[in-house]
PDB file of all heavy atoms in Angstrom:
ATOM      1  N   PHE A   1      34.124  11.431-112.699  1.00  0.00           N
ATOM      2  CA  PHE A   1      32.826  12.099-112.607  1.00  0.00           C
ATOM      3  C   PHE A   1      31.837  11.317-111.750  1.00  0.00           C
ATOM      4  O   PHE A   1      30.896  11.884-111.210  1.00  0.00           O
ATOM      5  CB  PHE A   1      32.237  12.298-114.006  1.00  0.00           C
ATOM      6  CG  PHE A   1      32.977  13.308-114.833  1.00  0.00           C
ATOM      7  CD1 PHE A   1      34.081  12.945-115.597  1.00  0.00           C
ATOM      8  CD2 PHE A   1      32.582  14.642-114.836  1.00  0.00           C
ATOM      9  CE1 PHE A   1      34.764  13.873-116.359  1.00  0.00           C
ATOM     10  CE2 PHE A   1      33.263  15.587-115.597  1.00  0.00           C
ATOM     11  CZ  PHE A   1      34.358  15.204-116.361  1.00  0.00           C
ATOM     12  N   PHE A   2      32.044  10.008-111.612  1.00  0.00           N
ATOM     13  CA  PHE A   2      31.115   9.180-110.861  1.00  0.00           C
ATOM     14  C   PHE A   2      31.610   8.796-109.460  1.00  0.00           C
ATOM     15  O   PHE A   2      30.820   8.443-108.609  1.00  0.00           O
ATOM     16  CB  PHE A   2      30.801   7.886-111.633  1.00  0.00           C
ATOM     17  CG  PHE A   2      29.968   8.108-112.858  1.00  0.00           C
ATOM     18  CD1 PHE A   2      30.441   7.743-114.105  1.00  0.00           C
ATOM     19  CD2 PHE A   2      28.720   8.692-112.766  1.00  0.00           C
ATOM     20  CE1 PHE A   2      29.676   7.941-115.245  1.00  0.00           C
ATOM     21  CE2 PHE A   2      27.935   8.899-113.903  1.00  0.00           C
ATOM     22  CZ  PHE A   2      28.421   8.522-115.144  1.00  0.00           C
ATOM     23  N   SER A   3      32.921   8.863-109.259  1.00  0.00           N
ATOM     24  CA  SER A   3      33.442   8.349-107.989  1.00  0.00           C
ATOM     25  C   SER A   3      34.254   9.368-107.203  1.00  0.00           C
ATOM     26  O   SER A   3      34.035   9.556-106.004  1.00  0.00           O
ATOM     27  CB  SER A   3      34.294   7.098-108.240  1.00  0.00           C
ATOM     28  OG  SER A   3      35.362   7.391-109.121  1.00  0.00           O
ATOM     29  N   ASN A   4      35.186  10.055-107.871  1.00  0.00           N
ATOM     30  CA  ASN A   4      36.088  10.947-107.138  1.00  0.00           C
ATOM     31  C   ASN A   4      35.540  12.368-107.110  1.00  0.00           C
ATOM     32  O   ASN A   4      36.014  13.275-107.802  1.00  0.00           O
ATOM     33  CB  ASN A   4      37.474  10.931-107.797  1.00  0.00           C
ATOM     34  CG  ASN A   4      38.559  11.335-106.814  1.00  0.00           C
ATOM     35  OD1 ASN A   4      38.299  12.087-105.876  1.00  0.00           O
ATOM     36  ND2 ASN A   4      39.770  10.846-107.027  1.00  0.00           N
ATOM     37  N   PHE A   5      34.519  12.576-106.270  1.00  0.00           N
ATOM     38  CA  PHE A   5      33.839  13.871-106.221  1.00  0.00           C
ATOM     39  C   PHE A   5      34.719  14.970-105.619  1.00  0.00           C
ATOM     40  O   PHE A   5      34.528  16.143-105.911  1.00  0.00           O
ATOM     41  CB  PHE A   5      32.529  13.745-105.441  1.00  0.00           C
ATOM     42  CG  PHE A   5      31.529  12.845-106.111  1.00  0.00           C
ATOM     43  CD1 PHE A   5      31.182  11.628-105.544  1.00  0.00           C
ATOM     44  CD2 PHE A   5      30.950  13.208-107.325  1.00  0.00           C
ATOM     45  CE1 PHE A   5      30.265  10.791-106.168  1.00  0.00           C
ATOM     46  CE2 PHE A   5      30.040  12.375-107.962  1.00  0.00           C
ATOM     47  CZ  PHE A   5      29.693  11.157-107.379  1.00  0.00           C
ATOM     48  N   GLU A   6      35.666  14.577-104.771  1.00  0.00           N
ATOM     49  CA  GLU A   6      36.559  15.575-104.170  1.00  0.00           C
ATOM     50  C   GLU A   6      37.427  16.235-105.254  1.00  0.00           C
ATOM     51  O   GLU A   6      37.552  17.458-105.298  1.00  0.00           O
ATOM     52  CB  GLU A   6      37.450  14.918-103.115  1.00  0.00           C
ATOM     53  CG  GLU A   6      38.364  15.929-102.411  1.00  0.00           C
ATOM     54  CD  GLU A   6      39.306  15.267-101.425  1.00  0.00           C
ATOM     55  OE1 GLU A   6      39.142  14.058-101.140  1.00  0.00           O
ATOM     56  OE2 GLU A   6      40.232  15.963-100.953  1.00  0.00           O
ATOM     57  N   VAL A   7      38.001  15.416-106.132  1.00  0.00           N
ATOM     58  CA  VAL A   7      38.805  15.934-107.242  1.00  0.00           C
ATOM     59  C   VAL A   7      37.946  16.794-108.156  1.00  0.00           C
ATOM     60  O   VAL A   7      38.341  17.891-108.574  1.00  0.00           O
ATOM     61  CB  VAL A   7      39.447  14.779-108.042  1.00  0.00           C
ATOM     62  CG1 VAL A   7      39.990  15.284-109.378  1.00  0.00           C
ATOM     63  CG2 VAL A   7      40.566  14.137-107.231  1.00  0.00           C
ATOM     64  N   LEU A   8      36.747  16.296-108.460  1.00  0.00           N
ATOM     65  CA  LEU A   8      35.834  17.022-109.338  1.00  0.00           C
ATOM     66  C   LEU A   8      35.472  18.384-108.746  1.00  0.00           C
ATOM     67  O   LEU A   8      35.429  19.402-109.459  1.00  0.00           O
ATOM     68  CB  LEU A   8      34.570  16.192-109.561  1.00  0.00           C
ATOM     69  CG  LEU A   8      33.716  16.537-110.781  1.00  0.00           C
ATOM     70  CD1 LEU A   8      34.518  16.419-112.069  1.00  0.00           C
ATOM     71  CD2 LEU A   8      32.492  15.639-110.825  1.00  0.00           C
ATOM     72  N   PHE A   9      35.231  18.414-107.440  1.00  0.00           N
ATOM     73  CA  PHE A   9      34.890  19.676-106.767  1.00  0.00           C
ATOM     74  C   PHE A   9      36.048  20.670-106.823  1.00  0.00           C
ATOM     75  O   PHE A   9      35.855  21.858-107.117  1.00  0.00           O
ATOM     76  CB  PHE A   9      34.504  19.407-105.303  1.00  0.00           C
ATOM     77  CG  PHE A   9      34.326  20.666-104.495  1.00  0.00           C
ATOM     78  CD1 PHE A   9      33.185  21.452-104.645  1.00  0.00           C
ATOM     79  CD2 PHE A   9      35.325  21.094-103.606  1.00  0.00           C
ATOM     80  CE1 PHE A   9      33.032  22.628-103.908  1.00  0.00           C
ATOM     81  CE2 PHE A   9      35.178  22.260-102.880  1.00  0.00           C
ATOM     82  CZ  PHE A   9      34.028  23.023-103.031  1.00  0.00           C
ATOM     83  N   LEU A  10      37.269  20.185-106.559  1.00  0.00           N
ATOM     84  CA  LEU A  10      38.432  21.072-106.564  1.00  0.00           C
ATOM     85  C   LEU A  10      38.705  21.630-107.966  1.00  0.00           C
ATOM     86  O   LEU A  10      39.007  22.814-108.124  1.00  0.00           O
ATOM     87  CB  LEU A  10      39.666  20.324-106.043  1.00  0.00           C
ATOM     88  CG  LEU A  10      39.668  19.976-104.557  1.00  0.00           C
ATOM     89  CD1 LEU A  10      40.866  19.103-104.216  1.00  0.00           C
ATOM     90  CD2 LEU A  10      39.664  21.240-103.701  1.00  0.00           C
ATOM     91  N   VAL A  11      38.583  20.770-108.971  1.00  0.00           N
ATOM     92  CA  VAL A  11      38.774  21.213-110.364  1.00  0.00           C
ATOM     93  C   VAL A  11      37.714  22.255-110.719  1.00  0.00           C
ATOM     94  O   VAL A  11      38.022  23.299-111.313  1.00  0.00           O
ATOM     95  CB  VAL A  11      38.703  20.012-111.336  1.00  0.00           C
ATOM     96  CG1 VAL A  11      38.618  20.496-112.784  1.00  0.00           C
ATOM     97  CG2 VAL A  11      39.916  19.110-111.158  1.00  0.00           C
ATOM     98  N   ALA A  12      36.461  21.969-110.348  1.00  0.00           N
ATOM     99  CA  ALA A  12      35.358  22.896-110.638  1.00  0.00           C
ATOM    100  C   ALA A  12      35.551  24.226-109.913  1.00  0.00           C
ATOM    101  O   ALA A  12      35.265  25.292-110.474  1.00  0.00           O
ATOM    102  CB  ALA A  12      34.023  22.264-110.236  1.00  0.00           C
ATOM    103  N   LEU A  13      36.054  24.177-108.684  1.00  0.00           N
ATOM    104  CA  LEU A  13      36.280  25.395-107.899  1.00  0.00           C
ATOM    105  C   LEU A  13      37.313  26.291-108.574  1.00  0.00           C
ATOM    106  O   LEU A  13      37.115  27.507-108.707  1.00  0.00           O
ATOM    107  CB  LEU A  13      36.734  25.031-106.480  1.00  0.00           C
ATOM    108  CG  LEU A  13      37.053  26.210-105.547  1.00  0.00           C
ATOM    109  CD1 LEU A  13      35.811  27.073-105.325  1.00  0.00           C
ATOM    110  CD2 LEU A  13      37.604  25.702-104.211  1.00  0.00           C
ATOM    111  N   VAL A  14      38.427  25.686-108.999  1.00  0.00           N
ATOM    112  CA  VAL A  14      39.481  26.460-109.686  1.00  0.00           C
ATOM    113  C   VAL A  14      38.930  27.101-110.952  1.00  0.00           C
ATOM    114  O   VAL A  14      39.180  28.281-111.237  1.00  0.00           O
ATOM    115  CB  VAL A  14      40.692  25.554-110.022  1.00  0.00           C
ATOM    116  CG1 VAL A  14      41.681  26.299-110.921  1.00  0.00           C
ATOM    117  CG2 VAL A  14      41.390  25.098-108.744  1.00  0.00           C
ATOM    118  N   LEU A  15      38.164  26.347-111.723  1.00  0.00           N
ATOM    119  CA  LEU A  15      37.610  26.861-112.982  1.00  0.00           C
ATOM    120  C   LEU A  15      36.550  27.927-112.742  1.00  0.00           C
ATOM    121  O   LEU A  15      36.482  28.926-113.470  1.00  0.00           O
ATOM    122  CB  LEU A  15      37.030  25.714-113.810  1.00  0.00           C
ATOM    123  CG  LEU A  15      38.082  24.781-114.409  1.00  0.00           C
ATOM    124  CD1 LEU A  15      37.453  23.492-114.898  1.00  0.00           C
ATOM    125  CD2 LEU A  15      38.837  25.470-115.542  1.00  0.00           C
ATOM    126  N   PHE A  16      35.723  27.745-111.719  1.00  0.00           N
ATOM    127  CA  PHE A  16      34.704  28.749-111.399  1.00  0.00           C
ATOM    128  C   PHE A  16      35.351  30.080-111.024  1.00  0.00           C
ATOM    129  O   PHE A  16      34.954  31.144-111.522  1.00  0.00           O
ATOM    130  CB  PHE A  16      33.816  28.257-110.250  1.00  0.00           C
ATOM    131  CG  PHE A  16      32.782  29.274-109.824  1.00  0.00           C
ATOM    132  CD1 PHE A  16      31.608  29.431-110.544  1.00  0.00           C
ATOM    133  CD2 PHE A  16      33.000  30.085-108.718  1.00  0.00           C
ATOM    134  CE1 PHE A  16      30.659  30.377-110.169  1.00  0.00           C
ATOM    135  CE2 PHE A  16      32.069  31.030-108.331  1.00  0.00           C
ATOM    136  CZ  PHE A  16      30.890  31.171-109.060  1.00  0.00           C
ATOM    137  N   LEU A  17      36.357  30.026-110.170  1.00  0.00           N
ATOM    138  CA  LEU A  17      37.039  31.254-109.749  1.00  0.00           C
ATOM    139  C   LEU A  17      37.795  31.893-110.909  1.00  0.00           C
ATOM    140  O   LEU A  17      37.834  33.128-111.034  1.00  0.00           O
ATOM    141  CB  LEU A  17      38.006  30.947-108.600  1.00  0.00           C
ATOM    142  CG  LEU A  17      37.363  30.521-107.273  1.00  0.00           C
ATOM    143  CD1 LEU A  17      38.429  30.105-106.274  1.00  0.00           C
ATOM    144  CD2 LEU A  17      36.499  31.640-106.701  1.00  0.00           C
ATOM    145  N   SER A  18      38.378  31.067-111.782  1.00  0.00           N
ATOM    146  CA  SER A  18      39.186  31.585-112.890  1.00  0.00           C
ATOM    147  C   SER A  18      38.346  32.146-114.028  1.00  0.00           C
ATOM    148  O   SER A  18      38.804  33.041-114.741  1.00  0.00           O
ATOM    149  CB  SER A  18      40.092  30.467-113.441  1.00  0.00           C
ATOM    150  OG  SER A  18      40.948  29.973-112.439  1.00  0.00           O
ATOM    151  N   ILE A  19      37.147  31.621-114.204  1.00  0.00           N
ATOM    152  CA  ILE A  19      36.292  32.084-115.308  1.00  0.00           C
ATOM    153  C   ILE A  19      35.239  33.068-114.796  1.00  0.00           C
ATOM    154  O   ILE A  19      35.268  34.254-115.139  1.00  0.00           O
ATOM    155  CB  ILE A  19      35.632  30.886-116.024  1.00  0.00           C
ATOM    156  CG1 ILE A  19      36.722  30.010-116.661  1.00  0.00           C
ATOM    157  CG2 ILE A  19      34.649  31.368-117.089  1.00  0.00           C
ATOM    158  CD1 ILE A  19      36.203  28.705-117.269  1.00  0.00           C
ATOM    159  N   PHE A  20      34.328  32.606-113.956  1.00  0.00           N
ATOM    160  CA  PHE A  20      33.276  33.486-113.443  1.00  0.00           C
ATOM    161  C   PHE A  20      33.857  34.568-112.534  1.00  0.00           C
ATOM    162  O   PHE A  20      33.560  35.756-112.698  1.00  0.00           O
ATOM    163  CB  PHE A  20      32.238  32.668-112.669  1.00  0.00           C
ATOM    164  CG  PHE A  20      31.275  31.909-113.536  1.00  0.00           C
ATOM    165  CD1 PHE A  20      31.618  30.668-114.062  1.00  0.00           C
ATOM    166  CD2 PHE A  20      30.018  32.427-113.834  1.00  0.00           C
ATOM    167  CE1 PHE A  20      30.731  29.964-114.869  1.00  0.00           C
ATOM    168  CE2 PHE A  20      29.129  31.732-114.639  1.00  0.00           C
ATOM    169  CZ  PHE A  20      29.486  30.484-115.155  1.00  0.00           C
ATOM    170  N   GLY A  21      34.689  34.146-111.570  1.00  0.00           N
ATOM    171  CA  GLY A  21      35.245  35.105-110.604  1.00  0.00           C
ATOM    172  C   GLY A  21      36.087  36.169-111.272  1.00  0.00           C
ATOM    173  O   GLY A  21      35.920  37.366-111.032  1.00  0.00           O
ATOM    174  N   LEU A  22      36.996  35.745-112.139  1.00  0.00           N
ATOM    175  CA  LEU A  22      37.876  36.686-112.837  1.00  0.00           C
ATOM    176  C   LEU A  22      37.064  37.600-113.759  1.00  0.00           C
ATOM    177  O   LEU A  22      37.362  38.794-113.888  1.00  0.00           O
ATOM    178  CB  LEU A  22      38.925  35.914-113.640  1.00  0.00           C
ATOM    179  CG  LEU A  22      40.112  36.713-114.194  1.00  0.00           C
ATOM    180  CD1 LEU A  22      40.844  37.460-113.101  1.00  0.00           C
ATOM    181  CD2 LEU A  22      41.068  35.779-114.924  1.00  0.00           C
ATOM    182  N   GLY A  23      36.027  37.047-114.373  1.00  0.00           N
ATOM    183  CA  GLY A  23      35.152  37.858-115.232  1.00  0.00           C
ATOM    184  C   GLY A  23      34.471  38.970-114.446  1.00  0.00           C
ATOM    185  O   GLY A  23      34.399  40.122-114.904  1.00  0.00           O
ATOM    186  N   TRP A  24      33.953  38.649-113.260  1.00  0.00           N
ATOM    187  CA  TRP A  24      33.296  39.663-112.428  1.00  0.00           C
ATOM    188  C   TRP A  24      34.285  40.738-111.954  1.00  0.00           C
ATOM    189  O   TRP A  24      33.957  41.925-111.947  1.00  0.00           O
ATOM    190  CB  TRP A  24      32.639  38.987-111.219  1.00  0.00           C
ATOM    191  CG  TRP A  24      31.433  38.181-111.578  1.00  0.00           C
ATOM    192  CD1 TRP A  24      30.519  38.444-112.570  1.00  0.00           C
ATOM    193  CD2 TRP A  24      31.010  36.955-110.974  1.00  0.00           C
ATOM    194  NE1 TRP A  24      29.557  37.470-112.618  1.00  0.00           N
ATOM    195  CE2 TRP A  24      29.816  36.538-111.651  1.00  0.00           C
ATOM    196  CE3 TRP A  24      31.504  36.162-109.931  1.00  0.00           C
ATOM    197  CZ2 TRP A  24      29.138  35.377-111.304  1.00  0.00           C
ATOM    198  CZ3 TRP A  24      30.826  35.007-109.594  1.00  0.00           C
ATOM    199  CH2 TRP A  24      29.658  34.619-110.268  1.00  0.00           C
ATOM    200  N   VAL A  25      35.473  40.294-111.574  1.00  0.00           N
ATOM    201  CA  VAL A  25      36.496  41.263-111.132  1.00  0.00           C
ATOM    202  C   VAL A  25      36.862  42.205-112.278  1.00  0.00           C
ATOM    203  O   VAL A  25      36.976  43.424-112.083  1.00  0.00           O
ATOM    204  CB  VAL A  25      37.765  40.528-110.612  1.00  0.00           C
ATOM    205  CG1 VAL A  25      38.910  41.509-110.400  1.00  0.00           C
ATOM    206  CG2 VAL A  25      37.453  39.783-109.319  1.00  0.00           C
ATOM    207  N   TYR A  26      37.011  41.641-113.480  1.00  0.00           N
ATOM    208  CA  TYR A  26      37.390  42.485-114.624  1.00  0.00           C
ATOM    209  C   TYR A  26      36.278  43.467-114.991  1.00  0.00           C
ATOM    210  O   TYR A  26      36.548  44.604-115.363  1.00  0.00           O
ATOM    211  CB  TYR A  26      37.743  41.626-115.843  1.00  0.00           C
ATOM    212  CG  TYR A  26      38.387  42.449-116.931  1.00  0.00           C
ATOM    213  CD1 TYR A  26      39.713  42.844-116.826  1.00  0.00           C
ATOM    214  CD2 TYR A  26      37.657  42.875-118.047  1.00  0.00           C
ATOM    215  CE1 TYR A  26      40.308  43.628-117.801  1.00  0.00           C
ATOM    216  CE2 TYR A  26      38.243  43.655-119.030  1.00  0.00           C
ATOM    217  CZ  TYR A  26      39.567  44.026-118.895  1.00  0.00           C
ATOM    218  OH  TYR A  26      40.151  44.819-119.848  1.00  0.00           O
ATOM    219  N   GLU A  27      35.029  43.036-114.860  1.00  0.00           N
ATOM    220  CA  GLU A  27      33.891  43.939-115.098  1.00  0.00           C
ATOM    221  C   GLU A  27      33.983  45.154-114.186  1.00  0.00           C
ATOM    222  O   GLU A  27      33.794  46.291-114.627  1.00  0.00           O
ATOM    223  CB  GLU A  27      32.571  43.212-114.832  1.00  0.00           C
ATOM    224  CG  GLU A  27      32.087  42.363-115.965  1.00  0.00           C
ATOM    225  CD  GLU A  27      30.752  41.714-115.641  1.00  0.00           C
ATOM    226  OE1 GLU A  27      30.055  42.187-114.709  1.00  0.00           O
ATOM    227  OE2 GLU A  27      30.398  40.742-116.312  1.00  0.00           O
ATOM    228  N   PHE A  28      34.259  44.901-112.915  1.00  0.00           N
ATOM    229  CA  PHE A  28      34.358  45.978-111.923  1.00  0.00           C
ATOM    230  C   PHE A  28      35.497  46.935-112.272  1.00  0.00           C
ATOM    231  O   PHE A  28      35.332  48.157-112.259  1.00  0.00           O
ATOM    232  CB  PHE A  28      34.577  45.362-110.531  1.00  0.00           C
ATOM    233  CG  PHE A  28      34.782  46.373-109.443  1.00  0.00           C
ATOM    234  CD1 PHE A  28      33.704  47.048-108.895  1.00  0.00           C
ATOM    235  CD2 PHE A  28      36.064  46.664-108.977  1.00  0.00           C
ATOM    236  CE1 PHE A  28      33.895  47.992-107.885  1.00  0.00           C
ATOM    237  CE2 PHE A  28      36.272  47.592-107.984  1.00  0.00           C
ATOM    238  CZ  PHE A  28      35.181  48.268-107.431  1.00  0.00           C
ATOM    239  N   ILE A  29      36.676  46.355-112.608  1.00  0.00           N
ATOM    240  CA  ILE A  29      37.849  47.179-112.934  1.00  0.00           C
ATOM    241  C   ILE A  29      37.610  47.990-114.211  1.00  0.00           C
ATOM    242  O   ILE A  29      37.923  49.184-114.276  1.00  0.00           O
ATOM    243  CB  ILE A  29      39.106  46.294-113.093  1.00  0.00           C
ATOM    244  CG1 ILE A  29      39.482  45.672-111.745  1.00  0.00           C
ATOM    245  CG2 ILE A  29      40.279  47.103-113.645  1.00  0.00           C
ATOM    246  CD1 ILE A  29      40.575  44.627-111.831  1.00  0.00           C
ATOM    247  N   ALA A  30      37.032  47.345-115.232  1.00  0.00           N
ATOM    248  CA  ALA A  30      36.776  48.023-116.510  1.00  0.00           C
ATOM    249  C   ALA A  30      35.814  49.194-116.328  1.00  0.00           C
ATOM    250  O   ALA A  30      35.990  50.257-116.939  1.00  0.00           O
ATOM    251  CB  ALA A  30      36.223  47.036-117.531  1.00  0.00           C
ATOM    252  N   ALA A  31      34.788  49.007-115.469  1.00  0.00           N
ATOM    253  CA  ALA A  31      33.825  50.085-115.208  1.00  0.00           C
ATOM    254  C   ALA A  31      34.502  51.250-114.507  1.00  0.00           C
ATOM    255  O   ALA A  31      34.247  52.422-114.832  1.00  0.00           O
ATOM    256  CB  ALA A  31      32.663  49.546-114.369  1.00  0.00           C
ATOM    257  N   ARG A  32      35.374  50.935-113.562  1.00  0.00           N
ATOM    258  CA  ARG A  32      36.095  51.990-112.826  1.00  0.00           C
ATOM    259  C   ARG A  32      37.051  52.748-113.745  1.00  0.00           C
ATOM    260  O   ARG A  32      37.258  53.955-113.574  1.00  0.00           O
ATOM    261  CB  ARG A  32      36.877  51.381-111.653  1.00  0.00           C
ATOM    262  CG  ARG A  32      36.010  50.958-110.478  1.00  0.00           C
ATOM    263  CD  ARG A  32      35.305  52.162-109.873  1.00  0.00           C
ATOM    264  NE  ARG A  32      34.482  51.836-108.738  1.00  0.00           N
ATOM    265  CZ  ARG A  32      34.872  51.915-107.461  1.00  0.00           C
ATOM    266  NH1 ARG A  32      36.109  52.303-107.177  1.00  0.00           N
ATOM    267  NH2 ARG A  32      34.038  51.607-106.494  1.00  0.00           N
ATOM    268  N   LEU A  33      37.651  52.045-114.698  1.00  0.00           N
ATOM    269  CA  LEU A  33      38.599  52.683-115.617  1.00  0.00           C
ATOM    270  C   LEU A  33      37.905  53.418-116.762  1.00  0.00           C
ATOM    271  O   LEU A  33      38.554  54.104-117.549  1.00  0.00           O
ATOM    272  CB  LEU A  33      39.558  51.632-116.197  1.00  0.00           C
ATOM    273  CG  LEU A  33      40.532  50.977-115.206  1.00  0.00           C
ATOM    274  CD1 LEU A  33      41.325  49.877-115.901  1.00  0.00           C
ATOM    275  CD2 LEU A  33      41.478  52.019-114.604  1.00  0.00           C
ATOM    276  N   GLY A  34      36.594  53.260-116.857  1.00  0.00           N
ATOM    277  CA  GLY A  34      35.838  53.946-117.895  1.00  0.00           C
ATOM    278  C   GLY A  34      36.042  53.374-119.286  1.00  0.00           C
ATOM    279  O   GLY A  34      35.898  54.079-120.287  1.00  0.00           O
ATOM    280  N   ILE A  35      36.360  52.076-119.389  1.00  0.00           N
ATOM    281  CA  ILE A  35      36.538  51.427-120.694  1.00  0.00           C
ATOM    282  C   ILE A  35      35.176  51.277-121.369  1.00  0.00           C
ATOM    283  O   ILE A  35      34.192  50.926-120.724  1.00  0.00           O
ATOM    284  CB  ILE A  35      37.210  50.042-120.533  1.00  0.00           C
ATOM    285  CG1 ILE A  35      38.595  50.200-119.899  1.00  0.00           C
ATOM    286  CG2 ILE A  35      37.335  49.329-121.874  1.00  0.00           C
ATOM    287  CD1 ILE A  35      39.251  48.889-119.500  1.00  0.00           C
ATOM    288  N   LYS A  36      35.104  51.570-122.652  1.00  0.00           N
ATOM    289  CA  LYS A  36      33.850  51.447-123.402  1.00  0.00           C
ATOM    290  C   LYS A  36      33.246  50.058-123.213  1.00  0.00           C
ATOM    291  O   LYS A  36      33.966  49.059-123.211  1.00  0.00           O
ATOM    292  CB  LYS A  36      34.098  51.696-124.890  1.00  0.00           C
ATOM    293  CG  LYS A  36      34.314  53.156-125.250  1.00  0.00           C
ATOM    294  CD  LYS A  36      34.720  53.297-126.708  1.00  0.00           C
ATOM    295  CE  LYS A  36      33.631  52.795-127.635  1.00  0.00           C
ATOM    296  NZ  LYS A  36      33.999  52.994-129.074  1.00  0.00           N
ATOM    297  N   LYS A  37      31.923  49.991-123.059  1.00  0.00           N
ATOM    298  CA  LYS A  37      31.253  48.730-122.784  1.00  0.00           C
ATOM    299  C   LYS A  37      31.540  47.665-123.842  1.00  0.00           C
ATOM    300  O   LYS A  37      31.742  46.495-123.528  1.00  0.00           O
ATOM    301  CB  LYS A  37      29.741  48.947-122.667  1.00  0.00           C
ATOM    302  CG  LYS A  37      29.319  49.594-121.353  1.00  0.00           C
ATOM    303  CD  LYS A  37      27.808  49.673-121.257  1.00  0.00           C
ATOM    304  CE  LYS A  37      27.395  50.294-119.922  1.00  0.00           C
ATOM    305  NZ  LYS A  37      25.914  50.393-119.795  1.00  0.00           N
ATOM    306  N   GLU A  38      31.545  48.080-125.123  1.00  0.00           N
ATOM    307  CA  GLU A  38      31.775  47.119-126.210  1.00  0.00           C
ATOM    308  C   GLU A  38      33.168  46.508-126.116  1.00  0.00           C
ATOM    309  O   GLU A  38      33.347  45.297-126.246  1.00  0.00           O
ATOM    310  CB  GLU A  38      31.612  47.809-127.575  1.00  0.00           C
ATOM    311  CG  GLU A  38      30.211  48.322-127.851  1.00  0.00           C
ATOM    312  CD  GLU A  38      29.957  49.695-127.244  1.00  0.00           C
ATOM    313  OE1 GLU A  38      30.896  50.264-126.629  1.00  0.00           O
ATOM    314  OE2 GLU A  38      28.826  50.187-127.370  1.00  0.00           O
ATOM    315  N   VAL A  39      34.162  47.373-125.870  1.00  0.00           N
ATOM    316  CA  VAL A  39      35.551  46.914-125.763  1.00  0.00           C
ATOM    317  C   VAL A  39      35.731  46.060-124.503  1.00  0.00           C
ATOM    318  O   VAL A  39      36.391  45.015-124.535  1.00  0.00           O
ATOM    319  CB  VAL A  39      36.531  48.108-125.757  1.00  0.00           C
ATOM    320  CG1 VAL A  39      37.965  47.640-125.490  1.00  0.00           C
ATOM    321  CG2 VAL A  39      36.456  48.860-127.080  1.00  0.00           C
TER     322      VAL A  39
END
């Protein structure tokens, strides 16, 4: 966390895309499929 910023950036990038990115993609797909908002 204090020295190897390149590793930290790559790890953060993978997690950002897998959590935030995947969440946004699923929101779009769920809306198109007409899935109830609660579900």
